[in-house]
Amino acid sequence: MRRAIGKAHPRLVGVDDGAFRRGDREAPIAAVVVALPDGIEAVGISRVTVDGRDGTARVRALVRAVSPPEGVRAVLIDGPVVGGFNVLDLGALHRALGVPVVAVTRRRPEFARIRAALAKWFPRSARARYALLRRHRLHRVPTAGTPIWAAASGCPGRDAVALVRRAMVRGYWPEPLRLAHLVASAAGARSRTVKGGPRGSRTGL
């Protein structure tokens, strides 16, 4: 991994979800293939069930759809959930895609509050969802400002930290995630226009 991310233009995939409102059945997700520092090579959009259990399968299919023949070095995801509390299985994604998968968060999650929310809203699946959230150790990623956090499957923590730092092009956030957020937000805005009503946003982590 260290050798791969040390190359001049390593390919990474960034994945993020877009805004949705309470009552929506689905939320948009986007994947962007970036040849660092900022070369966009492919973009894809899909949808996941809000608070569902299909996030891992949908992200896997989307990443496979946009990955170039030469392959990518790693997948970065904005947090371990999409579409509210649709929790991703980072290990399953790593095994299916054959590359390291790293979930990045701006703040260290408040796990006690998350566990209580899961127990309240998803009593039948709270334990399984929480287990996925805690399966991988969080690693502190130093920046010139406030540190961010990363959980990884498929590579050592120190390599995940180096990868996230390598992917920072503008400010203190990985460029593939910044671009994926823009695409997912645009997909959400387009959906709002089609349906004719304003929506809010909702996130799990």
N, C-alpha and C. Protein backbone atom coordinates (compact mmCIF):
# COMPACT_ATOMS: atom_id res chain seq x y z
N MET A 1 0.83 -1.21 0.00
CA MET A 1 0.00 0.00 0.00
C MET A 1 0.86 1.25 0.00
N ARG A 2 1.90 1.29 0.84
CA ARG A 2 2.76 2.48 0.89
C ARG A 2 3.38 2.76 -0.47
N ARG A 3 3.82 1.70 -1.17
CA ARG A 3 4.41 1.90 -2.50
C ARG A 3 3.36 2.44 -3.47
N ALA A 4 2.14 1.90 -3.39
CA ALA A 4 1.08 2.31 -4.31
C ALA A 4 0.73 3.78 -4.14
N ILE A 5 0.55 4.21 -2.89
CA ILE A 5 0.13 5.60 -2.68
C ILE A 5 1.30 6.56 -2.84
N GLY A 6 2.52 6.01 -2.95
CA GLY A 6 3.66 6.86 -3.21
C GLY A 6 3.84 7.18 -4.69
N LYS A 7 3.07 6.53 -5.55
CA LYS A 7 3.16 6.80 -6.99
C LYS A 7 2.63 8.20 -7.30
N ALA A 8 2.95 8.68 -8.48
CA ALA A 8 2.62 10.06 -8.84
C ALA A 8 1.11 10.28 -8.89
N HIS A 9 0.37 9.33 -9.48
CA HIS A 9 -1.07 9.54 -9.68
C HIS A 9 -1.86 8.27 -9.31
N PRO A 10 -1.84 7.87 -8.07
CA PRO A 10 -2.61 6.67 -7.70
C PRO A 10 -4.10 6.90 -7.89
N ARG A 11 -4.80 5.86 -8.32
CA ARG A 11 -6.24 5.95 -8.51
C ARG A 11 -6.96 5.53 -7.23
N LEU A 12 -7.88 6.38 -6.80
CA LEU A 12 -8.72 6.09 -5.65
C LEU A 12 -10.18 6.30 -6.04
N VAL A 13 -11.06 5.59 -5.34
CA VAL A 13 -12.49 5.83 -5.52
C VAL A 13 -13.04 6.47 -4.26
N GLY A 14 -13.75 7.58 -4.41
CA GLY A 14 -14.43 8.23 -3.30
C GLY A 14 -15.92 7.95 -3.37
N VAL A 15 -16.53 7.62 -2.23
CA VAL A 15 -17.96 7.31 -2.17
C VAL A 15 -18.62 8.17 -1.10
N ASP A 16 -19.74 8.79 -1.43
CA ASP A 16 -20.50 9.58 -0.45
C ASP A 16 -21.98 9.50 -0.82
N ASP A 17 -22.83 9.81 0.16
CA ASP A 17 -24.26 9.86 -0.13
C ASP A 17 -24.73 11.30 -0.21
N GLY A 18 -25.94 11.49 -0.71
CA GLY A 18 -26.51 12.82 -0.85
C GLY A 18 -27.66 13.03 0.12
N ALA A 19 -28.17 14.25 0.15
CA ALA A 19 -29.23 14.61 1.08
C ALA A 19 -30.55 13.94 0.73
N PHE A 20 -31.36 13.71 1.74
CA PHE A 20 -32.71 13.20 1.57
C PHE A 20 -33.54 13.74 2.71
N ARG A 21 -34.85 13.58 2.62
CA ARG A 21 -35.69 14.10 3.68
C ARG A 21 -36.42 12.95 4.39
N ARG A 22 -36.88 13.24 5.55
CA ARG A 22 -37.62 12.24 6.32
C ARG A 22 -38.82 11.75 5.50
N GLY A 23 -38.96 10.47 5.41
CA GLY A 23 -40.04 9.90 4.63
C GLY A 23 -39.60 9.37 3.27
N ASP A 24 -38.41 9.80 2.80
CA ASP A 24 -37.90 9.26 1.54
C ASP A 24 -37.54 7.79 1.70
N ARG A 25 -37.79 7.01 0.68
CA ARG A 25 -37.45 5.59 0.72
C ARG A 25 -36.00 5.36 0.35
N GLU A 26 -35.44 6.23 -0.50
CA GLU A 26 -34.07 6.03 -0.96
C GLU A 26 -33.28 7.33 -0.89
N ALA A 27 -31.95 7.17 -0.86
CA ALA A 27 -31.03 8.30 -0.87
C ALA A 27 -30.00 8.08 -1.97
N PRO A 28 -29.53 9.15 -2.62
CA PRO A 28 -28.53 8.98 -3.68
C PRO A 28 -27.15 8.71 -3.10
N ILE A 29 -26.35 7.92 -3.82
CA ILE A 29 -24.94 7.74 -3.51
C ILE A 29 -24.15 7.96 -4.79
N ALA A 30 -22.92 8.43 -4.63
CA ALA A 30 -22.07 8.70 -5.79
C ALA A 30 -20.69 8.10 -5.56
N ALA A 31 -20.07 7.66 -6.65
CA ALA A 31 -18.69 7.19 -6.63
C ALA A 31 -17.91 7.94 -7.69
N VAL A 32 -16.73 8.41 -7.34
CA VAL A 32 -15.88 9.16 -8.27
C VAL A 32 -14.49 8.53 -8.26
N VAL A 33 -13.98 8.19 -9.44
CA VAL A 33 -12.61 7.68 -9.57
C VAL A 33 -11.70 8.87 -9.81
N VAL A 34 -10.70 9.02 -8.94
CA VAL A 34 -9.78 10.16 -9.02
C VAL A 34 -8.35 9.65 -9.15
N ALA A 35 -7.63 10.14 -10.14
CA ALA A 35 -6.19 9.93 -10.22
C ALA A 35 -5.56 11.13 -9.54
N LEU A 36 -5.04 10.91 -8.35
CA LEU A 36 -4.52 12.03 -7.57
C LEU A 36 -3.47 12.82 -8.34
N PRO A 37 -3.48 14.16 -8.18
CA PRO A 37 -4.20 14.88 -7.14
C PRO A 37 -5.67 15.20 -7.45
N ASP A 38 -6.03 15.41 -8.73
CA ASP A 38 -7.41 15.85 -9.00
C ASP A 38 -7.92 15.45 -10.38
N GLY A 39 -7.42 14.36 -10.91
CA GLY A 39 -7.87 13.92 -12.22
C GLY A 39 -9.10 13.03 -12.12
N ILE A 40 -10.25 13.54 -12.55
CA ILE A 40 -11.49 12.76 -12.49
C ILE A 40 -11.56 11.84 -13.70
N GLU A 41 -11.67 10.53 -13.44
CA GLU A 41 -11.68 9.55 -14.53
C GLU A 41 -13.04 8.89 -14.76
N ALA A 42 -13.87 8.84 -13.73
CA ALA A 42 -15.18 8.23 -13.89
C ALA A 42 -16.08 8.68 -12.75
N VAL A 43 -17.37 8.73 -13.05
CA VAL A 43 -18.38 9.12 -12.06
C VAL A 43 -19.57 8.20 -12.20
N GLY A 44 -20.13 7.76 -11.06
CA GLY A 44 -21.31 6.92 -11.09
C GLY A 44 -22.27 7.31 -9.98
N ILE A 45 -23.57 7.06 -10.22
CA ILE A 45 -24.60 7.39 -9.24
C ILE A 45 -25.51 6.18 -9.06
N SER A 46 -25.90 5.92 -7.82
CA SER A 46 -26.85 4.87 -7.53
C SER A 46 -27.73 5.35 -6.38
N ARG A 47 -28.48 4.43 -5.78
CA ARG A 47 -29.34 4.78 -4.65
C ARG A 47 -29.31 3.65 -3.63
N VAL A 48 -29.55 4.01 -2.38
CA VAL A 48 -29.63 3.03 -1.30
C VAL A 48 -30.92 3.26 -0.53
N THR A 49 -31.38 2.22 0.14
CA THR A 49 -32.57 2.34 0.96
C THR A 49 -32.26 3.12 2.23
N VAL A 50 -33.05 4.13 2.53
CA VAL A 50 -32.85 4.92 3.74
C VAL A 50 -33.03 4.01 4.96
N ASP A 51 -32.01 4.01 5.83
CA ASP A 51 -32.02 3.19 7.06
C ASP A 51 -32.13 1.70 6.77
N GLY A 52 -31.77 1.29 5.55
CA GLY A 52 -31.92 -0.10 5.17
C GLY A 52 -30.69 -0.94 5.47
N ARG A 53 -30.58 -2.07 4.77
CA ARG A 53 -29.47 -3.00 4.97
C ARG A 53 -28.77 -3.33 3.65
N ASP A 54 -29.03 -2.53 2.60
CA ASP A 54 -28.48 -2.84 1.28
C ASP A 54 -27.28 -1.98 0.91
N GLY A 55 -26.79 -1.17 1.84
CA GLY A 55 -25.71 -0.25 1.52
C GLY A 55 -24.45 -0.92 1.01
N THR A 56 -24.04 -2.01 1.66
CA THR A 56 -22.81 -2.70 1.25
C THR A 56 -22.93 -3.20 -0.18
N ALA A 57 -24.04 -3.85 -0.51
CA ALA A 57 -24.22 -4.38 -1.86
C ALA A 57 -24.28 -3.27 -2.90
N ARG A 58 -24.97 -2.17 -2.57
CA ARG A 58 -25.10 -1.07 -3.53
C ARG A 58 -23.76 -0.37 -3.76
N VAL A 59 -23.00 -0.15 -2.69
CA VAL A 59 -21.69 0.48 -2.84
C VAL A 59 -20.76 -0.43 -3.63
N ARG A 60 -20.78 -1.72 -3.34
CA ARG A 60 -19.94 -2.67 -4.07
C ARG A 60 -20.24 -2.62 -5.56
N ALA A 61 -21.51 -2.67 -5.92
CA ALA A 61 -21.88 -2.65 -7.34
C ALA A 61 -21.49 -1.34 -8.01
N LEU A 62 -21.65 -0.23 -7.30
CA LEU A 62 -21.32 1.08 -7.87
C LEU A 62 -19.83 1.21 -8.10
N VAL A 63 -19.02 0.80 -7.13
CA VAL A 63 -17.56 0.89 -7.29
C VAL A 63 -17.10 0.01 -8.44
N ARG A 64 -17.65 -1.18 -8.55
CA ARG A 64 -17.28 -2.05 -9.67
C ARG A 64 -17.66 -1.42 -11.00
N ALA A 65 -18.77 -0.72 -11.04
CA ALA A 65 -19.24 -0.13 -12.29
C ALA A 65 -18.33 1.00 -12.78
N VAL A 66 -17.73 1.74 -11.84
CA VAL A 66 -16.94 2.91 -12.25
C VAL A 66 -15.44 2.62 -12.31
N SER A 67 -14.98 1.50 -11.75
CA SER A 67 -13.54 1.24 -11.68
C SER A 67 -12.96 1.01 -13.07
N PRO A 68 -11.84 1.66 -13.40
CA PRO A 68 -11.22 1.48 -14.71
C PRO A 68 -10.55 0.12 -14.82
N PRO A 69 -10.27 -0.34 -16.04
CA PRO A 69 -9.64 -1.65 -16.23
C PRO A 69 -8.32 -1.79 -15.47
N GLU A 70 -7.59 -0.68 -15.35
CA GLU A 70 -6.30 -0.72 -14.66
C GLU A 70 -6.48 -0.88 -13.15
N GLY A 71 -7.70 -0.68 -12.67
CA GLY A 71 -7.97 -0.85 -11.26
C GLY A 71 -7.66 0.38 -10.43
N VAL A 72 -8.04 0.30 -9.17
CA VAL A 72 -7.82 1.38 -8.23
C VAL A 72 -7.02 0.84 -7.06
N ARG A 73 -6.43 1.74 -6.30
CA ARG A 73 -5.58 1.33 -5.18
C ARG A 73 -6.36 1.20 -3.89
N ALA A 74 -7.46 1.95 -3.74
CA ALA A 74 -8.24 1.90 -2.50
C ALA A 74 -9.56 2.61 -2.71
N VAL A 75 -10.49 2.35 -1.79
CA VAL A 75 -11.79 3.02 -1.79
C VAL A 75 -11.91 3.82 -0.51
N LEU A 76 -12.24 5.09 -0.64
CA LEU A 76 -12.50 5.96 0.51
C LEU A 76 -14.00 6.21 0.60
N ILE A 77 -14.55 6.10 1.80
CA ILE A 77 -15.98 6.32 2.01
C ILE A 77 -16.15 7.38 3.08
N ASP A 78 -17.09 8.29 2.84
CA ASP A 78 -17.36 9.35 3.82
C ASP A 78 -18.22 8.76 4.94
N GLY A 79 -17.56 8.19 5.93
CA GLY A 79 -18.25 7.59 7.07
C GLY A 79 -18.67 6.16 6.79
N PRO A 80 -18.95 5.38 7.84
CA PRO A 80 -19.31 3.96 7.67
C PRO A 80 -20.79 3.72 7.43
N VAL A 81 -21.56 4.77 7.17
CA VAL A 81 -22.98 4.61 6.89
C VAL A 81 -23.36 5.44 5.67
N VAL A 82 -24.43 5.03 5.00
CA VAL A 82 -25.02 5.79 3.90
C VAL A 82 -26.52 5.79 4.12
N GLY A 83 -27.19 6.83 3.64
CA GLY A 83 -28.64 6.86 3.75
C GLY A 83 -29.14 6.69 5.17
N GLY A 84 -28.67 7.53 6.08
CA GLY A 84 -29.09 7.43 7.47
C GLY A 84 -28.29 6.40 8.22
N PHE A 85 -28.94 5.31 8.67
CA PHE A 85 -28.26 4.26 9.42
C PHE A 85 -28.10 2.98 8.60
N ASN A 86 -27.90 3.11 7.32
CA ASN A 86 -27.59 1.97 6.46
C ASN A 86 -26.09 1.69 6.62
N VAL A 87 -25.76 0.81 7.56
CA VAL A 87 -24.36 0.62 7.97
C VAL A 87 -23.63 -0.26 6.96
N LEU A 88 -22.42 0.15 6.60
CA LEU A 88 -21.61 -0.58 5.64
C LEU A 88 -20.72 -1.61 6.32
N ASP A 89 -20.52 -2.73 5.66
CA ASP A 89 -19.59 -3.77 6.12
C ASP A 89 -18.28 -3.55 5.38
N LEU A 90 -17.35 -2.86 6.02
CA LEU A 90 -16.08 -2.53 5.37
C LEU A 90 -15.30 -3.77 4.99
N GLY A 91 -15.34 -4.80 5.85
CA GLY A 91 -14.63 -6.03 5.55
C GLY A 91 -15.19 -6.73 4.33
N ALA A 92 -16.50 -6.78 4.20
CA ALA A 92 -17.11 -7.41 3.03
C ALA A 92 -16.77 -6.64 1.76
N LEU A 93 -16.75 -5.31 1.84
CA LEU A 93 -16.37 -4.51 0.68
C LEU A 93 -14.93 -4.77 0.28
N HIS A 94 -14.05 -4.84 1.25
CA HIS A 94 -12.64 -5.12 0.95
C HIS A 94 -12.48 -6.48 0.27
N ARG A 95 -13.15 -7.48 0.80
CA ARG A 95 -13.02 -8.82 0.22
C ARG A 95 -13.59 -8.89 -1.20
N ALA A 96 -14.69 -8.19 -1.42
CA ALA A 96 -15.34 -8.23 -2.73
C ALA A 96 -14.57 -7.42 -3.78
N LEU A 97 -14.01 -6.30 -3.36
CA LEU A 97 -13.34 -5.39 -4.31
C LEU A 97 -11.85 -5.67 -4.45
N GLY A 98 -11.26 -6.33 -3.45
CA GLY A 98 -9.86 -6.68 -3.54
C GLY A 98 -8.89 -5.55 -3.28
N VAL A 99 -9.38 -4.45 -2.70
CA VAL A 99 -8.52 -3.31 -2.36
C VAL A 99 -8.88 -2.82 -0.97
N PRO A 100 -7.99 -2.10 -0.30
CA PRO A 100 -8.33 -1.54 1.01
C PRO A 100 -9.54 -0.60 0.94
N VAL A 101 -10.35 -0.63 1.98
CA VAL A 101 -11.51 0.25 2.10
C VAL A 101 -11.37 1.05 3.38
N VAL A 102 -11.45 2.37 3.28
CA VAL A 102 -11.22 3.25 4.42
C VAL A 102 -12.40 4.19 4.58
N ALA A 103 -13.03 4.16 5.75
CA ALA A 103 -14.13 5.08 6.07
C ALA A 103 -13.56 6.25 6.87
N VAL A 104 -13.82 7.46 6.42
CA VAL A 104 -13.25 8.66 7.02
C VAL A 104 -14.35 9.51 7.63
N THR A 105 -14.13 10.00 8.85
CA THR A 105 -15.10 10.87 9.52
C THR A 105 -14.40 12.12 10.01
N ARG A 106 -15.15 13.22 10.04
CA ARG A 106 -14.57 14.49 10.47
C ARG A 106 -14.39 14.55 11.98
N ARG A 107 -15.25 13.84 12.70
CA ARG A 107 -15.18 13.82 14.16
C ARG A 107 -15.25 12.40 14.67
N ARG A 108 -14.67 12.16 15.82
CA ARG A 108 -14.76 10.84 16.42
C ARG A 108 -16.21 10.57 16.80
N PRO A 109 -16.80 9.46 16.35
CA PRO A 109 -18.22 9.19 16.65
C PRO A 109 -18.48 9.07 18.14
N GLU A 110 -19.66 9.52 18.56
CA GLU A 110 -20.10 9.35 19.96
C GLU A 110 -20.87 8.03 20.04
N PHE A 111 -20.14 6.97 20.30
CA PHE A 111 -20.72 5.63 20.18
C PHE A 111 -21.84 5.36 21.17
N ALA A 112 -21.78 5.96 22.33
CA ALA A 112 -22.86 5.73 23.31
C ALA A 112 -24.18 6.27 22.77
N ARG A 113 -24.14 7.45 22.18
CA ARG A 113 -25.36 8.04 21.62
C ARG A 113 -25.84 7.25 20.40
N ILE A 114 -24.90 6.79 19.60
CA ILE A 114 -25.26 6.02 18.41
C ILE A 114 -25.91 4.70 18.82
N ARG A 115 -25.35 4.06 19.83
CA ARG A 115 -25.91 2.78 20.29
C ARG A 115 -27.33 2.97 20.82
N ALA A 116 -27.55 4.06 21.56
CA ALA A 116 -28.89 4.33 22.09
C ALA A 116 -29.88 4.59 20.95
N ALA A 117 -29.45 5.33 19.93
CA ALA A 117 -30.33 5.61 18.80
C ALA A 117 -30.67 4.34 18.04
N LEU A 118 -29.69 3.47 17.86
CA LEU A 118 -29.95 2.21 17.18
C LEU A 118 -30.94 1.36 17.96
N ALA A 119 -30.76 1.30 19.26
CA ALA A 119 -31.67 0.50 20.09
C ALA A 119 -33.09 1.04 20.04
N LYS A 120 -33.23 2.36 19.93
CA LYS A 120 -34.55 2.97 19.89
C LYS A 120 -35.26 2.74 18.56
N TRP A 121 -34.53 2.95 17.46
CA TRP A 121 -35.17 2.95 16.15
C TRP A 121 -35.08 1.61 15.42
N PHE A 122 -34.12 0.79 15.79
CA PHE A 122 -33.94 -0.50 15.10
C PHE A 122 -33.74 -1.62 16.11
N PRO A 123 -34.72 -1.88 16.96
CA PRO A 123 -34.54 -2.87 18.04
C PRO A 123 -34.17 -4.26 17.54
N ARG A 124 -34.66 -4.64 16.38
CA ARG A 124 -34.38 -5.99 15.88
C ARG A 124 -32.98 -6.14 15.29
N SER A 125 -32.43 -5.06 14.77
CA SER A 125 -31.12 -5.15 14.11
C SER A 125 -30.06 -4.27 14.76
N ALA A 126 -30.38 -3.68 15.91
CA ALA A 126 -29.44 -2.73 16.55
C ALA A 126 -28.10 -3.38 16.84
N ARG A 127 -28.12 -4.59 17.37
CA ARG A 127 -26.86 -5.24 17.74
C ARG A 127 -25.99 -5.48 16.52
N ALA A 128 -26.57 -5.96 15.44
CA ALA A 128 -25.80 -6.24 14.24
C ALA A 128 -25.24 -4.95 13.62
N ARG A 129 -26.06 -3.91 13.59
CA ARG A 129 -25.59 -2.64 13.02
C ARG A 129 -24.46 -2.05 13.86
N TYR A 130 -24.63 -2.10 15.16
CA TYR A 130 -23.60 -1.54 16.04
C TYR A 130 -22.31 -2.34 15.93
N ALA A 131 -22.41 -3.66 15.80
CA ALA A 131 -21.21 -4.49 15.67
C ALA A 131 -20.41 -4.10 14.44
N LEU A 132 -21.10 -3.80 13.34
CA LEU A 132 -20.40 -3.36 12.13
C LEU A 132 -19.67 -2.04 12.36
N LEU A 133 -20.33 -1.14 13.09
CA LEU A 133 -19.72 0.17 13.34
C LEU A 133 -18.45 0.06 14.19
N ARG A 134 -18.41 -0.91 15.09
CA ARG A 134 -17.28 -1.04 16.00
C ARG A 134 -16.26 -2.09 15.57
N ARG A 135 -16.46 -2.69 14.42
CA ARG A 135 -15.60 -3.81 14.02
C ARG A 135 -14.17 -3.39 13.73
N HIS A 136 -13.99 -2.17 13.25
CA HIS A 136 -12.65 -1.73 12.85
C HIS A 136 -12.21 -0.54 13.70
N ARG A 137 -10.98 -0.61 14.14
CA ARG A 137 -10.43 0.41 15.02
C ARG A 137 -10.35 1.77 14.32
N LEU A 138 -10.64 2.82 15.07
CA LEU A 138 -10.50 4.18 14.56
C LEU A 138 -9.06 4.66 14.72
N HIS A 139 -8.56 5.31 13.68
CA HIS A 139 -7.20 5.85 13.71
C HIS A 139 -7.25 7.36 13.51
N ARG A 140 -6.51 8.06 14.34
CA ARG A 140 -6.45 9.52 14.27
C ARG A 140 -5.58 9.94 13.09
N VAL A 141 -6.11 10.83 12.25
CA VAL A 141 -5.36 11.33 11.10
C VAL A 141 -4.98 12.78 11.36
N PRO A 142 -3.72 13.06 11.62
CA PRO A 142 -3.30 14.45 11.89
C PRO A 142 -3.46 15.32 10.64
N THR A 143 -3.87 16.55 10.86
CA THR A 143 -3.91 17.55 9.79
C THR A 143 -3.31 18.84 10.36
N ALA A 144 -3.21 19.86 9.52
CA ALA A 144 -2.74 21.15 10.01
C ALA A 144 -3.80 21.83 10.85
N GLY A 145 -5.01 21.30 10.84
CA GLY A 145 -6.10 21.83 11.66
C GLY A 145 -6.59 20.76 12.61
N THR A 146 -7.92 20.61 12.70
CA THR A 146 -8.51 19.60 13.55
C THR A 146 -8.29 18.21 12.95
N PRO A 147 -7.85 17.25 13.74
CA PRO A 147 -7.64 15.91 13.18
C PRO A 147 -8.94 15.27 12.74
N ILE A 148 -8.84 14.36 11.78
CA ILE A 148 -9.99 13.57 11.35
C ILE A 148 -9.70 12.11 11.70
N TRP A 149 -10.66 11.22 11.39
CA TRP A 149 -10.55 9.84 11.85
C TRP A 149 -10.82 8.88 10.71
N ALA A 150 -10.16 7.71 10.77
CA ALA A 150 -10.30 6.73 9.71
C ALA A 150 -10.38 5.32 10.30
N ALA A 151 -11.26 4.51 9.73
CA ALA A 151 -11.34 3.08 10.05
C ALA A 151 -11.10 2.32 8.76
N ALA A 152 -10.28 1.27 8.81
CA ALA A 152 -9.87 0.62 7.58
C ALA A 152 -10.02 -0.89 7.63
N SER A 153 -10.27 -1.46 6.46
CA SER A 153 -10.23 -2.91 6.26
C SER A 153 -9.35 -3.18 5.06
N GLY A 154 -8.39 -4.07 5.22
CA GLY A 154 -7.53 -4.44 4.10
C GLY A 154 -6.15 -3.83 4.12
N CYS A 155 -5.86 -3.02 5.14
CA CYS A 155 -4.52 -2.45 5.27
C CYS A 155 -4.27 -2.06 6.72
N PRO A 156 -3.01 -1.98 7.15
CA PRO A 156 -2.72 -1.54 8.51
C PRO A 156 -3.19 -0.11 8.74
N GLY A 157 -3.43 0.22 9.99
CA GLY A 157 -3.88 1.56 10.33
C GLY A 157 -2.93 2.64 9.86
N ARG A 158 -1.62 2.41 9.99
CA ARG A 158 -0.65 3.44 9.59
C ARG A 158 -0.73 3.71 8.09
N ASP A 159 -1.03 2.66 7.30
CA ASP A 159 -1.16 2.86 5.86
C ASP A 159 -2.45 3.60 5.53
N ALA A 160 -3.51 3.32 6.28
CA ALA A 160 -4.77 4.04 6.07
C ALA A 160 -4.58 5.53 6.35
N VAL A 161 -3.87 5.85 7.42
CA VAL A 161 -3.60 7.25 7.76
C VAL A 161 -2.79 7.91 6.65
N ALA A 162 -1.74 7.20 6.16
CA ALA A 162 -0.92 7.75 5.08
C ALA A 162 -1.74 7.95 3.82
N LEU A 163 -2.65 7.02 3.53
CA LEU A 163 -3.50 7.14 2.35
C LEU A 163 -4.40 8.37 2.44
N VAL A 164 -5.04 8.56 3.58
CA VAL A 164 -5.95 9.70 3.75
C VAL A 164 -5.17 11.00 3.61
N ARG A 165 -4.00 11.08 4.21
CA ARG A 165 -3.18 12.29 4.11
C ARG A 165 -2.72 12.53 2.67
N ARG A 166 -2.39 11.46 1.98
CA ARG A 166 -1.96 11.59 0.58
C ARG A 166 -3.08 12.13 -0.30
N ALA A 167 -4.32 11.79 0.07
CA ALA A 167 -5.47 12.18 -0.75
C ALA A 167 -5.94 13.60 -0.48
N MET A 168 -5.38 14.27 0.51
CA MET A 168 -5.77 15.65 0.80
C MET A 168 -5.12 16.59 -0.22
N VAL A 169 -5.95 17.26 -0.98
CA VAL A 169 -5.45 18.17 -2.01
C VAL A 169 -5.82 19.61 -1.67
N ARG A 170 -7.07 19.81 -1.27
CA ARG A 170 -7.55 21.13 -0.88
C ARG A 170 -8.05 21.05 0.55
N GLY A 171 -7.40 21.76 1.45
CA GLY A 171 -7.83 21.73 2.85
C GLY A 171 -7.46 20.43 3.52
N TYR A 172 -8.31 19.99 4.44
CA TYR A 172 -7.99 18.85 5.30
C TYR A 172 -8.96 17.70 5.09
N TRP A 173 -9.44 17.52 3.86
CA TRP A 173 -10.39 16.46 3.56
C TRP A 173 -9.95 15.79 2.26
N PRO A 174 -10.04 14.46 2.16
CA PRO A 174 -9.59 13.77 0.94
C PRO A 174 -10.33 14.25 -0.30
N GLU A 175 -9.59 14.51 -1.36
CA GLU A 175 -10.18 15.03 -2.59
C GLU A 175 -11.22 14.08 -3.19
N PRO A 176 -11.01 12.77 -3.22
CA PRO A 176 -12.06 11.90 -3.77
C PRO A 176 -13.39 12.02 -3.02
N LEU A 177 -13.34 12.24 -1.71
CA LEU A 177 -14.57 12.40 -0.94
C LEU A 177 -15.21 13.76 -1.19
N ARG A 178 -14.39 14.78 -1.37
CA ARG A 178 -14.94 16.11 -1.68
C ARG A 178 -15.71 16.06 -3.00
N LEU A 179 -15.12 15.40 -3.99
CA LEU A 179 -15.77 15.32 -5.30
C LEU A 179 -17.01 14.43 -5.26
N ALA A 180 -16.94 13.32 -4.54
CA ALA A 180 -18.10 12.45 -4.43
C ALA A 180 -19.26 13.17 -3.75
N HIS A 181 -18.93 14.00 -2.76
CA HIS A 181 -19.98 14.77 -2.08
C HIS A 181 -20.66 15.72 -3.05
N LEU A 182 -19.90 16.38 -3.91
CA LEU A 182 -20.48 17.30 -4.88
C LEU A 182 -21.42 16.57 -5.83
N VAL A 183 -21.00 15.40 -6.29
CA VAL A 183 -21.82 14.64 -7.23
C VAL A 183 -23.09 14.13 -6.54
N ALA A 184 -22.94 13.58 -5.34
CA ALA A 184 -24.11 13.07 -4.61
C ALA A 184 -25.08 14.20 -4.28
N SER A 185 -24.55 15.37 -3.94
CA SER A 185 -25.41 16.52 -3.64
C SER A 185 -26.17 16.95 -4.88
N ALA A 186 -25.49 16.93 -6.04
CA ALA A 186 -26.16 17.29 -7.29
C ALA A 186 -27.26 16.28 -7.62
N ALA A 187 -26.99 15.00 -7.37
CA ALA A 187 -28.00 13.97 -7.63
C ALA A 187 -29.21 14.18 -6.73
N GLY A 188 -28.97 14.54 -5.48
CA GLY A 188 -30.07 14.81 -4.57
C GLY A 188 -30.86 16.03 -4.98
N ALA A 189 -30.17 17.07 -5.45
CA ALA A 189 -30.85 18.29 -5.88
C ALA A 189 -31.70 18.02 -7.11
N ARG A 190 -31.20 17.20 -8.02
CA ARG A 190 -31.97 16.86 -9.22
C ARG A 190 -33.23 16.10 -8.83
N SER A 191 -33.10 15.19 -7.89
CA SER A 191 -34.27 14.43 -7.44
C SER A 191 -35.29 15.35 -6.79
N ARG A 192 -34.82 16.33 -6.03
CA ARG A 192 -35.74 17.27 -5.40
C ARG A 192 -36.50 18.08 -6.45
N THR A 193 -35.77 18.46 -7.53
CA THR A 193 -36.41 19.23 -8.59
C THR A 193 -37.49 18.41 -9.29
N VAL A 194 -37.20 17.15 -9.54
CA VAL A 194 -38.16 16.28 -10.21
C VAL A 194 -39.41 16.12 -9.37
N LYS A 195 -39.25 15.96 -8.07
CA LYS A 195 -40.39 15.75 -7.19
C LYS A 195 -41.09 17.05 -6.82
N GLY A 196 -40.40 18.18 -7.06
CA GLY A 196 -41.05 19.47 -6.91
C GLY A 196 -41.13 20.01 -5.50
N GLY A 197 -40.45 19.42 -4.53
CA GLY A 197 -40.54 19.92 -3.17
C GLY A 197 -39.19 19.96 -2.51
N PRO A 198 -38.96 20.93 -1.59
CA PRO A 198 -37.68 20.99 -0.91
C PRO A 198 -37.53 19.86 0.08
N ARG A 199 -36.29 19.41 0.26
CA ARG A 199 -36.01 18.36 1.24
C ARG A 199 -34.96 18.86 2.22
N GLY A 200 -34.93 18.20 3.34
CA GLY A 200 -33.86 18.45 4.28
C GLY A 200 -32.82 17.36 4.12
N SER A 201 -31.92 17.29 5.07
CA SER A 201 -30.92 16.25 5.04
C SER A 201 -30.93 15.50 6.35
N ARG A 202 -30.41 14.29 6.31
CA ARG A 202 -30.38 13.47 7.50
C ARG A 202 -29.18 12.55 7.42
N THR A 203 -28.42 12.47 8.46
CA THR A 203 -27.24 11.61 8.44
C THR A 203 -27.20 10.79 9.69
N GLY A 204 -26.55 9.63 9.60
CA GLY A 204 -26.43 8.77 10.77
C GLY A 204 -25.14 9.01 11.52
N LEU A 205 -24.02 9.25 10.80
CA LEU A 205 -22.73 9.49 11.44
C LEU A 205 -22.06 10.65 10.72
